[in-house]
Structure formats: structure tokens, C-alpha cells
Amino acid sequence: PELPDHRVRFSVIFCPESIVWNRIGLKYPTRFINEVFAIKEYQS
């Protein structure tokens, strides 16, 4: 979902990704596997 007039003062514009993953999950299953595809790093 997009909100063209949405503004923030102190943080960032952010939409939780789970909105879409949950909506997809109500219609489609996914195959999950225990294999590493990528390396994660969080920035400060």
C-alpha cells in the first residue's frame, strides 16, 4: 500500500513488509528450505 501524502517528522516512511507477506500467505503457500542464501548486517 502507498500513501502519497504521508509524511514523517523524526524518523522514516516505513510500511511493515509483513502486510504483503501475510496477504500473499492467505492465497499462496511457500517452500521453505534450510539453506543459507545471503549474509545479513544491520546498520546503526
All heavy atoms as atom14 arrays in JSON, in Angstrom:
{
  "sequence": "PELPDHRVRFSVIFCPESIVWNRIGLKYPTRFINEVFAIKEYQS",
  "atom14_mask": [
    [1, 1, 1, 1, 1, 1, 1, 0, 0, 0, 0, 0, 0, 0],
    [1, 1, 1, 1, 1, 1, 1, 1, 1, 0, 0, 0, 0, 0],
    [1, 1, 1, 1, 1, 1, 1, 1, 0, 0, 0, 0, 0, 0],
    [1, 1, 1, 1, 1, 1, 1, 0, 0, 0, 0, 0, 0, 0],
    [1, 1, 1, 1, 1, 1, 1, 1, 0, 0, 0, 0, 0, 0],
    [1, 1, 1, 1, 1, 1, 1, 1, 1, 1, 0, 0, 0, 0],
    [1, 1, 1, 1, 1, 1, 1, 1, 1, 1, 1, 0, 0, 0],
    [1, 1, 1, 1, 1, 1, 1, 0, 0, 0, 0, 0, 0, 0],
    [1, 1, 1, 1, 1, 1, 1, 1, 1, 1, 1, 0, 0, 0],
    [1, 1, 1, 1, 1, 1, 1, 1, 1, 1, 1, 0, 0, 0],
    [1, 1, 1, 1, 1, 1, 0, 0, 0, 0, 0, 0, 0, 0],
    [1, 1, 1, 1, 1, 1, 1, 0, 0, 0, 0, 0, 0, 0],
    [1, 1, 1, 1, 1, 1, 1, 1, 0, 0, 0, 0, 0, 0],
    [1, 1, 1, 1, 1, 1, 1, 1, 1, 1, 1, 0, 0, 0],
    [1, 1, 1, 1, 1, 1, 0, 0, 0, 0, 0, 0, 0, 0],
    [1, 1, 1, 1, 1, 1, 1, 0, 0, 0, 0, 0, 0, 0],
    [1, 1, 1, 1, 1, 1, 1, 1, 1, 0, 0, 0, 0, 0],
    [1, 1, 1, 1, 1, 1, 0, 0, 0, 0, 0, 0, 0, 0],
    [1, 1, 1, 1, 1, 1, 1, 1, 0, 0, 0, 0, 0, 0],
    [1, 1, 1, 1, 1, 1, 1, 0, 0, 0, 0, 0, 0, 0],
    [1, 1, 1, 1, 1, 1, 1, 1, 1, 1, 1, 1, 1, 1],
    [1, 1, 1, 1, 1, 1, 1, 1, 0, 0, 0, 0, 0, 0],
    [1, 1, 1, 1, 1, 1, 1, 1, 1, 1, 1, 0, 0, 0],
    [1, 1, 1, 1, 1, 1, 1, 1, 0, 0, 0, 0, 0, 0],
    [1, 1, 1, 1, 0, 0, 0, 0, 0, 0, 0, 0, 0, 0],
    [1, 1, 1, 1, 1, 1, 1, 1, 0, 0, 0, 0, 0, 0],
    [1, 1, 1, 1, 1, 1, 1, 1, 1, 0, 0, 0, 0, 0],
    [1, 1, 1, 1, 1, 1, 1, 1, 1, 1, 1, 1, 0, 0],
    [1, 1, 1, 1, 1, 1, 1, 0, 0, 0, 0, 0, 0, 0],
    [1, 1, 1, 1, 1, 1, 1, 0, 0, 0, 0, 0, 0, 0],
    [1, 1, 1, 1, 1, 1, 1, 1, 1, 1, 1, 0, 0, 0],
    [1, 1, 1, 1, 1, 1, 1, 1, 1, 1, 1, 0, 0, 0],
    [1, 1, 1, 1, 1, 1, 1, 1, 0, 0, 0, 0, 0, 0],
    [1, 1, 1, 1, 1, 1, 1, 1, 0, 0, 0, 0, 0, 0],
    [1, 1, 1, 1, 1, 1, 1, 1, 1, 0, 0, 0, 0, 0],
    [1, 1, 1, 1, 1, 1, 1, 0, 0, 0, 0, 0, 0, 0],
    [1, 1, 1, 1, 1, 1, 1, 1, 1, 1, 1, 0, 0, 0],
    [1, 1, 1, 1, 1, 0, 0, 0, 0, 0, 0, 0, 0, 0],
    [1, 1, 1, 1, 1, 1, 1, 1, 0, 0, 0, 0, 0, 0],
    [1, 1, 1, 1, 1, 1, 1, 1, 1, 0, 0, 0, 0, 0],
    [1, 1, 1, 1, 1, 1, 1, 1, 1, 0, 0, 0, 0, 0],
    [1, 1, 1, 1, 1, 1, 1, 1, 1, 1, 1, 1, 0, 0],
    [1, 1, 1, 1, 1, 1, 1, 1, 1, 0, 0, 0, 0, 0],
    [1, 1, 1, 1, 1, 1, 0, 0, 0, 0, 0, 0, 0, 0]
  ],
  "atom14_positions": [
    [[0.84, -1.2, 0.0], [0.0, 0.0, 0.0], [0.87, 1.25, 0.0], [1.93, 1.27, 0.64], [-0.79, -0.13, 1.31], [0.04, -1.01, 2.19], [0.74, -1.96, 1.26], [0.0, 0.0, 0.0], [0.0, 0.0, 0.0], [0.0, 0.0, 0.0], [0.0, 0.0, 0.0], [0.0, 0.0, 0.0], [0.0, 0.0, 0.0], [0.0, 0.0, 0.0]],
    [[0.44, 2.26, -0.72], [1.17, 3.52, -0.76], [0.25, 4.65, -0.33], [-0.94, 4.66, -0.67], [1.72, 3.78, -2.16], [2.76, 2.75, -2.6], [3.51, 3.16, -3.85], [3.57, 4.38, -4.13], [4.05, 2.27, -4.55], [0.0, 0.0, 0.0], [0.0, 0.0, 0.0], [0.0, 0.0, 0.0], [0.0, 0.0, 0.0], [0.0, 0.0, 0.0]],
    [[0.81, 5.58, 0.42], [0.08, 6.75, 0.91], [0.81, 7.99, 0.4], [1.74, 8.48, 1.05], [0.02, 6.76, 2.44], [-0.56, 5.5, 3.11], [-0.37, 5.57, 4.62], [-2.03, 5.35, 2.76], [0.0, 0.0, 0.0], [0.0, 0.0, 0.0], [0.0, 0.0, 0.0], [0.0, 0.0, 0.0], [0.0, 0.0, 0.0], [0.0, 0.0, 0.0]],
    [[0.41, 8.51, -0.76], [1.18, 9.61, -1.4], [1.37, 10.84, -0.53], [2.38, 11.53, -0.66], [0.33, 9.93, -2.65], [-0.44, 8.68, -2.92], [-0.72, 8.07, -1.58], [0.0, 0.0, 0.0], [0.0, 0.0, 0.0], [0.0, 0.0, 0.0], [0.0, 0.0, 0.0], [0.0, 0.0, 0.0], [0.0, 0.0, 0.0], [0.0, 0.0, 0.0]],
    [[0.42, 11.13, 0.34], [0.52, 12.35, 1.16], [1.13, 12.1, 2.53], [1.18, 13.0, 3.37], [-0.87, 12.97, 1.34], [-1.48, 13.4, 0.0], [-0.7, 13.82, -0.88], [-2.71, 13.3, -0.16], [0.0, 0.0, 0.0], [0.0, 0.0, 0.0], [0.0, 0.0, 0.0], [0.0, 0.0, 0.0], [0.0, 0.0, 0.0], [0.0, 0.0, 0.0]],
    [[1.61, 10.88, 2.77], [2.13, 10.52, 4.09], [3.49, 11.19, 4.33], [4.38, 11.13, 3.47], [2.27, 9.0, 4.18], [2.83, 8.52, 5.49], [2.27, 8.85, 6.7], [3.9, 7.72, 5.76], [2.97, 8.28, 7.67], [3.96, 7.59, 7.13], [0.0, 0.0, 0.0], [0.0, 0.0, 0.0], [0.0, 0.0, 0.0], [0.0, 0.0, 0.0]],
    [[3.65, 11.8, 5.49], [4.9, 12.45, 5.86], [5.27, 12.09, 7.3], [4.4, 11.78, 8.11], [4.78, 13.98, 5.75], [4.47, 14.49, 4.34], [5.67, 14.33, 3.42], [5.38, 14.85, 2.09], [4.85, 14.15, 1.1], [4.53, 12.87, 1.3], [4.64, 14.7, -0.08], [0.0, 0.0, 0.0], [0.0, 0.0, 0.0], [0.0, 0.0, 0.0]],
    [[6.57, 12.12, 7.59], [7.05, 11.9, 8.96], [7.95, 13.07, 9.34], [8.51, 13.75, 8.47], [7.81, 10.56, 9.09], [6.89, 9.38, 8.81], [9.02, 10.52, 8.17], [0.0, 0.0, 0.0], [0.0, 0.0, 0.0], [0.0, 0.0, 0.0], [0.0, 0.0, 0.0], [0.0, 0.0, 0.0], [0.0, 0.0, 0.0], [0.0, 0.0, 0.0]],
    [[8.1, 13.28, 10.64], [8.93, 14.4, 11.12], [10.28, 13.94, 11.64], [11.29, 14.61, 11.42], [8.2, 15.15, 12.24], [6.93, 15.87, 11.81], [6.28, 16.55, 13.01], [7.13, 17.6, 13.58], [6.92, 18.16, 14.76], [5.89, 17.77, 15.52], [7.72, 19.11, 15.21], [0.0, 0.0, 0.0], [0.0, 0.0, 0.0], [0.0, 0.0, 0.0]],
    [[10.32, 12.8, 12.33], [11.53, 12.45, 13.07], [12.15, 11.11, 12.66], [13.25, 10.79, 13.1], [11.22, 12.41, 14.57], [10.54, 13.63, 15.09], [9.26, 13.58, 15.63], [11.17, 14.87, 15.01], [8.62, 14.71, 16.09], [10.54, 16.02, 15.48], [9.26, 15.95, 16.02], [0.0, 0.0, 0.0], [0.0, 0.0, 0.0], [0.0, 0.0, 0.0]],
    [[11.46, 10.33, 11.86], [12.01, 9.01, 11.51], [12.03, 8.84, 10.0], [12.52, 9.71, 9.29], [11.2, 7.9, 12.19], [9.83, 7.92, 11.78], [0.0, 0.0, 0.0], [0.0, 0.0, 0.0], [0.0, 0.0, 0.0], [0.0, 0.0, 0.0], [0.0, 0.0, 0.0], [0.0, 0.0, 0.0], [0.0, 0.0, 0.0], [0.0, 0.0, 0.0]],
    [[11.52, 7.73, 9.5], [11.49, 7.45, 8.06], [10.12, 6.91, 7.7], [9.42, 6.33, 8.53], [12.57, 6.42, 7.65], [13.96, 6.98, 7.83], [12.4, 5.12, 8.44], [0.0, 0.0, 0.0], [0.0, 0.0, 0.0], [0.0, 0.0, 0.0], [0.0, 0.0, 0.0], [0.0, 0.0, 0.0], [0.0, 0.0, 0.0], [0.0, 0.0, 0.0]],
    [[9.74, 7.09, 6.43], [8.5, 6.49, 5.95], [8.71, 4.98, 5.88], [9.66, 4.51, 5.25], [8.12, 7.05, 4.57], [7.88, 8.56, 4.66], [6.89, 6.34, 4.02], [7.69, 9.23, 3.3], [0.0, 0.0, 0.0], [0.0, 0.0, 0.0], [0.0, 0.0, 0.0], [0.0, 0.0, 0.0], [0.0, 0.0, 0.0], [0.0, 0.0, 0.0]],
    [[7.83, 4.25, 6.54], [8.04, 2.8, 6.64], [6.72, 2.05, 6.66], [5.82, 2.37, 7.42], [8.82, 2.46, 7.92], [9.11, 0.99, 8.08], [10.05, 0.37, 7.29], [8.41, 0.23, 9.01], [10.31, -0.99, 7.43], [8.65, -1.12, 9.15], [9.61, -1.73, 8.36], [0.0, 0.0, 0.0], [0.0, 0.0, 0.0], [0.0, 0.0, 0.0]],
    [[6.63, 1.05, 5.79], [5.48, 0.15, 5.75], [5.97, -1.25, 6.12], [6.91, -1.75, 5.48], [4.87, 0.15, 4.35], [3.53, -1.05, 4.13], [0.0, 0.0, 0.0], [0.0, 0.0, 0.0], [0.0, 0.0, 0.0], [0.0, 0.0, 0.0], [0.0, 0.0, 0.0], [0.0, 0.0, 0.0], [0.0, 0.0, 0.0], [0.0, 0.0, 0.0]],
    [[5.4, -1.89, 7.14], [5.88, -3.23, 7.52], [5.69, -4.23, 6.38], [4.61, -4.34, 5.8], [5.02, -3.59, 8.74], [3.84, -2.69, 8.69], [4.28, -1.44, 7.99], [0.0, 0.0, 0.0], [0.0, 0.0, 0.0], [0.0, 0.0, 0.0], [0.0, 0.0, 0.0], [0.0, 0.0, 0.0], [0.0, 0.0, 0.0], [0.0, 0.0, 0.0]],
    [[6.75, -4.95, 6.06], [6.7, -5.89, 4.94], [5.7, -7.01, 5.17], [5.16, -7.57, 4.21], [8.1, -6.46, 4.68], [9.09, -5.41, 4.21], [10.47, -5.98, 3.93], [10.57, -7.18, 3.65], [11.45, -5.2, 3.99], [0.0, 0.0, 0.0], [0.0, 0.0, 0.0], [0.0, 0.0, 0.0], [0.0, 0.0, 0.0], [0.0, 0.0, 0.0]],
    [[5.44, -7.34, 6.42], [4.51, -8.44, 6.72], [3.1, -8.17, 6.21], [2.32, -9.11, 6.07], [4.48, -8.71, 8.22], [5.69, -9.3, 8.64], [0.0, 0.0, 0.0], [0.0, 0.0, 0.0], [0.0, 0.0, 0.0], [0.0, 0.0, 0.0], [0.0, 0.0, 0.0], [0.0, 0.0, 0.0], [0.0, 0.0, 0.0], [0.0, 0.0, 0.0]],
    [[2.75, -6.91, 5.96], [1.44, -6.64, 5.36], [1.3, -7.45, 4.07], [0.3, -8.15, 3.85], [1.27, -5.14, 5.06], [1.02, -4.35, 6.34], [0.11, -4.91, 4.08], [0.82, -2.86, 6.11], [0.0, 0.0, 0.0], [0.0, 0.0, 0.0], [0.0, 0.0, 0.0], [0.0, 0.0, 0.0], [0.0, 0.0, 0.0], [0.0, 0.0, 0.0]],
    [[2.31, -7.38, 3.22], [2.25, -8.08, 1.93], [2.46, -9.57, 2.1], [1.75, -10.4, 1.52], [3.27, -7.48, 0.95], [3.49, -8.4, -0.25], [2.77, -6.12, 0.47], [0.0, 0.0, 0.0], [0.0, 0.0, 0.0], [0.0, 0.0, 0.0], [0.0, 0.0, 0.0], [0.0, 0.0, 0.0], [0.0, 0.0, 0.0], [0.0, 0.0, 0.0]],
    [[3.45, -9.98, 2.92], [3.71, -11.42, 3.07], [2.47, -12.13, 3.64], [2.15, -13.25, 3.22], [4.91, -11.67, 3.96], [6.16, -10.9, 3.62], [7.11, -10.47, 4.5], [6.63, -10.48, 2.33], [8.12, -9.8, 3.85], [7.86, -9.79, 2.52], [6.14, -10.6, 1.03], [8.57, -9.25, 1.46], [6.86, -10.04, -0.03], [8.06, -9.39, 0.18]],
    [[1.79, -11.5, 4.59], [0.59, -12.12, 5.15], [-0.53, -12.21, 4.12], [-1.24, -13.21, 4.05], [0.11, -11.34, 6.37], [1.04, -11.47, 7.56], [1.95, -12.3, 7.56], [0.84, -10.64, 8.57], [0.0, 0.0, 0.0], [0.0, 0.0, 0.0], [0.0, 0.0, 0.0], [0.0, 0.0, 0.0], [0.0, 0.0, 0.0], [0.0, 0.0, 0.0]],
    [[-0.71, -11.16, 3.33], [-1.75, -11.18, 2.32], [-1.47, -12.26, 1.27], [-2.37, -12.96, 0.82], [-1.88, -9.8, 1.67], [-2.47, -8.75, 2.61], [-2.47, -7.35, 1.99], [-3.06, -6.37, 2.9], [-3.16, -5.07, 2.65], [-2.71, -4.59, 1.48], [-3.71, -4.25, 3.53], [0.0, 0.0, 0.0], [0.0, 0.0, 0.0], [0.0, 0.0, 0.0]],
    [[-0.22, -12.37, 0.88], [0.15, -13.43, -0.06], [-0.1, -14.8, 0.56], [-0.62, -15.72, -0.09], [1.63, -13.29, -0.47], [1.82, -12.06, -1.36], [2.11, -14.54, -1.21], [3.27, -11.75, -1.71], [0.0, 0.0, 0.0], [0.0, 0.0, 0.0], [0.0, 0.0, 0.0], [0.0, 0.0, 0.0], [0.0, 0.0, 0.0], [0.0, 0.0, 0.0]],
    [[0.25, -14.95, 1.85], [0.11, -16.22, 2.53], [-1.32, -16.72, 2.63], [-1.56, -17.93, 2.74], [0.0, 0.0, 0.0], [0.0, 0.0, 0.0], [0.0, 0.0, 0.0], [0.0, 0.0, 0.0], [0.0, 0.0, 0.0], [0.0, 0.0, 0.0], [0.0, 0.0, 0.0], [0.0, 0.0, 0.0], [0.0, 0.0, 0.0], [0.0, 0.0, 0.0]],
    [[-2.28, -15.8, 2.6], [-3.68, -16.23, 2.65], [-4.11, -16.89, 1.33], [-5.14, -17.56, 1.29], [-4.58, -15.02, 2.93], [-4.49, -14.44, 4.34], [-5.26, -13.13, 4.44], [-5.01, -15.44, 5.37], [0.0, 0.0, 0.0], [0.0, 0.0, 0.0], [0.0, 0.0, 0.0], [0.0, 0.0, 0.0], [0.0, 0.0, 0.0], [0.0, 0.0, 0.0]],
    [[-3.31, -16.71, 0.28], [-3.66, -17.3, -1.03], [-2.66, -18.34, -1.5], [-3.04, -19.34, -2.12], [-3.79, -16.2, -2.08], [-4.23, -16.7, -3.44], [-4.52, -15.57, -4.42], [-4.98, -16.11, -5.77], [-5.28, -15.01, -6.73], [0.0, 0.0, 0.0], [0.0, 0.0, 0.0], [0.0, 0.0, 0.0], [0.0, 0.0, 0.0], [0.0, 0.0, 0.0]],
    [[-1.37, -18.12, -1.22], [-0.32, -18.99, -1.76], [0.59, -19.51, -0.65], [1.05, -18.74, 0.19], [0.56, -18.22, -2.75], [-0.13, -17.67, -3.96], [-0.43, -16.31, -4.05], [-0.44, -18.5, -5.04], [-1.04, -15.78, -5.19], [-1.05, -17.99, -6.18], [-1.35, -16.63, -6.25], [-1.95, -16.11, -7.37], [0.0, 0.0, 0.0], [0.0, 0.0, 0.0]],
    [[0.94, -20.8, -0.68], [2.0, -21.31, 0.21], [3.37, -21.07, -0.4], [3.5, -20.73, -1.58], [1.68, -22.81, 0.28], [1.02, -23.12, -1.02], [0.27, -21.88, -1.43], [0.0, 0.0, 0.0], [0.0, 0.0, 0.0], [0.0, 0.0, 0.0], [0.0, 0.0, 0.0], [0.0, 0.0, 0.0], [0.0, 0.0, 0.0], [0.0, 0.0, 0.0]],
    [[4.4, -21.26, 0.41], [5.8, -21.09, 0.0], [6.58, -22.33, 0.4], [6.24, -22.98, 1.4], [6.4, -19.84, 0.68], [5.68, -18.68, 0.24], [7.87, -19.67, 0.35], [0.0, 0.0, 0.0], [0.0, 0.0, 0.0], [0.0, 0.0, 0.0], [0.0, 0.0, 0.0], [0.0, 0.0, 0.0], [0.0, 0.0, 0.0], [0.0, 0.0, 0.0]],
    [[7.6, -22.65, -0.33], [8.51, -23.74, 0.07], [9.69, -23.11, 0.81], [10.4, -22.25, 0.27], [9.0, -24.52, -1.15], [9.99, -25.63, -0.78], [10.14, -26.65, -1.88], [8.9, -27.42, -2.03], [8.8, -28.51, -2.79], [9.84, -28.95, -3.45], [7.65, -29.15, -2.89], [0.0, 0.0, 0.0], [0.0, 0.0, 0.0], [0.0, 0.0, 0.0]],
    [[9.9, -23.53, 2.05], [10.99, -23.04, 2.9], [12.04, -24.13, 3.03], [11.72, -25.29, 3.25], [10.46, -22.64, 4.28], [9.5, -21.49, 4.25], [8.12, -21.71, 4.19], [9.95, -20.18, 4.28], [7.22, -20.65, 4.16], [9.07, -19.11, 4.25], [7.7, -19.35, 4.19], [0.0, 0.0, 0.0], [0.0, 0.0, 0.0], [0.0, 0.0, 0.0]],
    [[13.31, -23.74, 2.91], [14.41, -24.7, 3.0], [15.51, -24.16, 3.91], [15.72, -22.95, 4.02], [15.0, -25.0, 1.6], [15.51, -23.72, 0.94], [13.97, -25.7, 0.72], [16.3, -23.98, -0.33], [0.0, 0.0, 0.0], [0.0, 0.0, 0.0], [0.0, 0.0, 0.0], [0.0, 0.0, 0.0], [0.0, 0.0, 0.0], [0.0, 0.0, 0.0]],
    [[16.21, -25.09, 4.56], [17.28, -24.72, 5.49], [18.61, -24.58, 4.75], [19.54, -25.37, 4.93], [17.39, -25.75, 6.61], [16.26, -25.62, 7.61], [15.88, -24.51, 7.98], [15.71, -26.73, 8.05], [0.0, 0.0, 0.0], [0.0, 0.0, 0.0], [0.0, 0.0, 0.0], [0.0, 0.0, 0.0], [0.0, 0.0, 0.0], [0.0, 0.0, 0.0]],
    [[18.68, -23.58, 3.91], [19.89, -23.33, 3.14], [20.16, -21.83, 3.16], [19.26, -21.03, 2.94], [19.69, -23.82, 1.71], [20.96, -23.82, 0.89], [20.8, -24.62, -0.41], [19.97, -25.56, -0.45], [21.48, -24.27, -1.39], [0.0, 0.0, 0.0], [0.0, 0.0, 0.0], [0.0, 0.0, 0.0], [0.0, 0.0, 0.0], [0.0, 0.0, 0.0]],
    [[21.39, -21.45, 3.43], [21.76, -20.03, 3.52], [21.96, -19.45, 2.13], [22.75, -19.97, 1.33], [23.05, -19.85, 4.36], [23.52, -18.4, 4.3], [22.81, -20.28, 5.8], [0.0, 0.0, 0.0], [0.0, 0.0, 0.0], [0.0, 0.0, 0.0], [0.0, 0.0, 0.0], [0.0, 0.0, 0.0], [0.0, 0.0, 0.0], [0.0, 0.0, 0.0]],
    [[21.24, -18.36, 1.85], [21.37, -17.67, 0.58], [22.1, -16.33, 0.7], [22.66, -15.84, -0.29], [19.99, -17.4, -0.03], [19.28, -18.63, -0.54], [17.9, -18.74, -0.41], [19.98, -19.66, -1.13], [17.24, -19.88, -0.88], [19.33, -20.8, -1.61], [17.95, -20.91, -1.48], [0.0, 0.0, 0.0], [0.0, 0.0, 0.0], [0.0, 0.0, 0.0]],
    [[22.08, -15.73, 1.88], [22.66, -14.38, 1.99], [23.14, -14.1, 3.41], [22.77, -14.8, 4.36], [21.63, -13.33, 1.57], [0.0, 0.0, 0.0], [0.0, 0.0, 0.0], [0.0, 0.0, 0.0], [0.0, 0.0, 0.0], [0.0, 0.0, 0.0], [0.0, 0.0, 0.0], [0.0, 0.0, 0.0], [0.0, 0.0, 0.0], [0.0, 0.0, 0.0]],
    [[23.96, -13.06, 3.52], [24.52, -12.62, 4.79], [23.82, -11.32, 5.19], [23.66, -10.4, 4.38], [26.03, -12.37, 4.68], [26.74, -13.6, 4.1], [26.61, -12.01, 6.05], [26.56, -14.87, 4.9], [0.0, 0.0, 0.0], [0.0, 0.0, 0.0], [0.0, 0.0, 0.0], [0.0, 0.0, 0.0], [0.0, 0.0, 0.0], [0.0, 0.0, 0.0]],
    [[23.42, -11.25, 6.44], [22.68, -10.1, 6.96], [23.59, -9.24, 7.83], [24.4, -9.74, 8.62], [21.49, -10.59, 7.79], [20.77, -9.57, 8.64], [20.13, -8.47, 7.81], [18.98, -8.93, 6.97], [18.34, -7.79, 6.25], [0.0, 0.0, 0.0], [0.0, 0.0, 0.0], [0.0, 0.0, 0.0], [0.0, 0.0, 0.0], [0.0, 0.0, 0.0]],
    [[23.43, -7.92, 7.67], [24.14, -6.97, 8.54], [23.21, -5.8, 8.79], [22.65, -5.24, 7.85], [25.43, -6.49, 7.9], [26.22, -5.51, 8.77], [27.53, -5.1, 8.12], [28.51, -5.84, 8.28], [27.55, -4.05, 7.47], [0.0, 0.0, 0.0], [0.0, 0.0, 0.0], [0.0, 0.0, 0.0], [0.0, 0.0, 0.0], [0.0, 0.0, 0.0]],
    [[23.02, -5.44, 10.06], [22.19, -4.29, 10.4], [23.07, -3.07, 10.63], [24.09, -3.16, 11.32], [21.36, -4.56, 11.66], [20.28, -5.6, 11.47], [20.24, -6.74, 12.26], [19.31, -5.43, 10.5], [19.24, -7.7, 12.08], [18.3, -6.37, 10.31], [18.28, -7.5, 11.11], [17.29, -8.45, 10.93], [0.0, 0.0, 0.0], [0.0, 0.0, 0.0]],
    [[22.68, -1.94, 10.06], [23.42, -0.69, 10.25], [22.89, 0.05, 11.48], [21.71, -0.05, 11.83], [23.26, 0.2, 9.01], [23.77, -0.45, 7.73], [25.25, -0.78, 7.79], [26.08, 0.08, 8.09], [25.58, -2.04, 7.52], [0.0, 0.0, 0.0], [0.0, 0.0, 0.0], [0.0, 0.0, 0.0], [0.0, 0.0, 0.0], [0.0, 0.0, 0.0]],
    [[23.77, 0.83, 12.1], [23.37, 1.56, 13.31], [22.31, 2.61, 13.02], [21.57, 3.02, 13.91], [24.6, 2.23, 13.94], [25.19, 3.14, 13.03], [0.0, 0.0, 0.0], [0.0, 0.0, 0.0], [0.0, 0.0, 0.0], [0.0, 0.0, 0.0], [0.0, 0.0, 0.0], [0.0, 0.0, 0.0], [0.0, 0.0, 0.0], [0.0, 0.0, 0.0]]
  ]
}
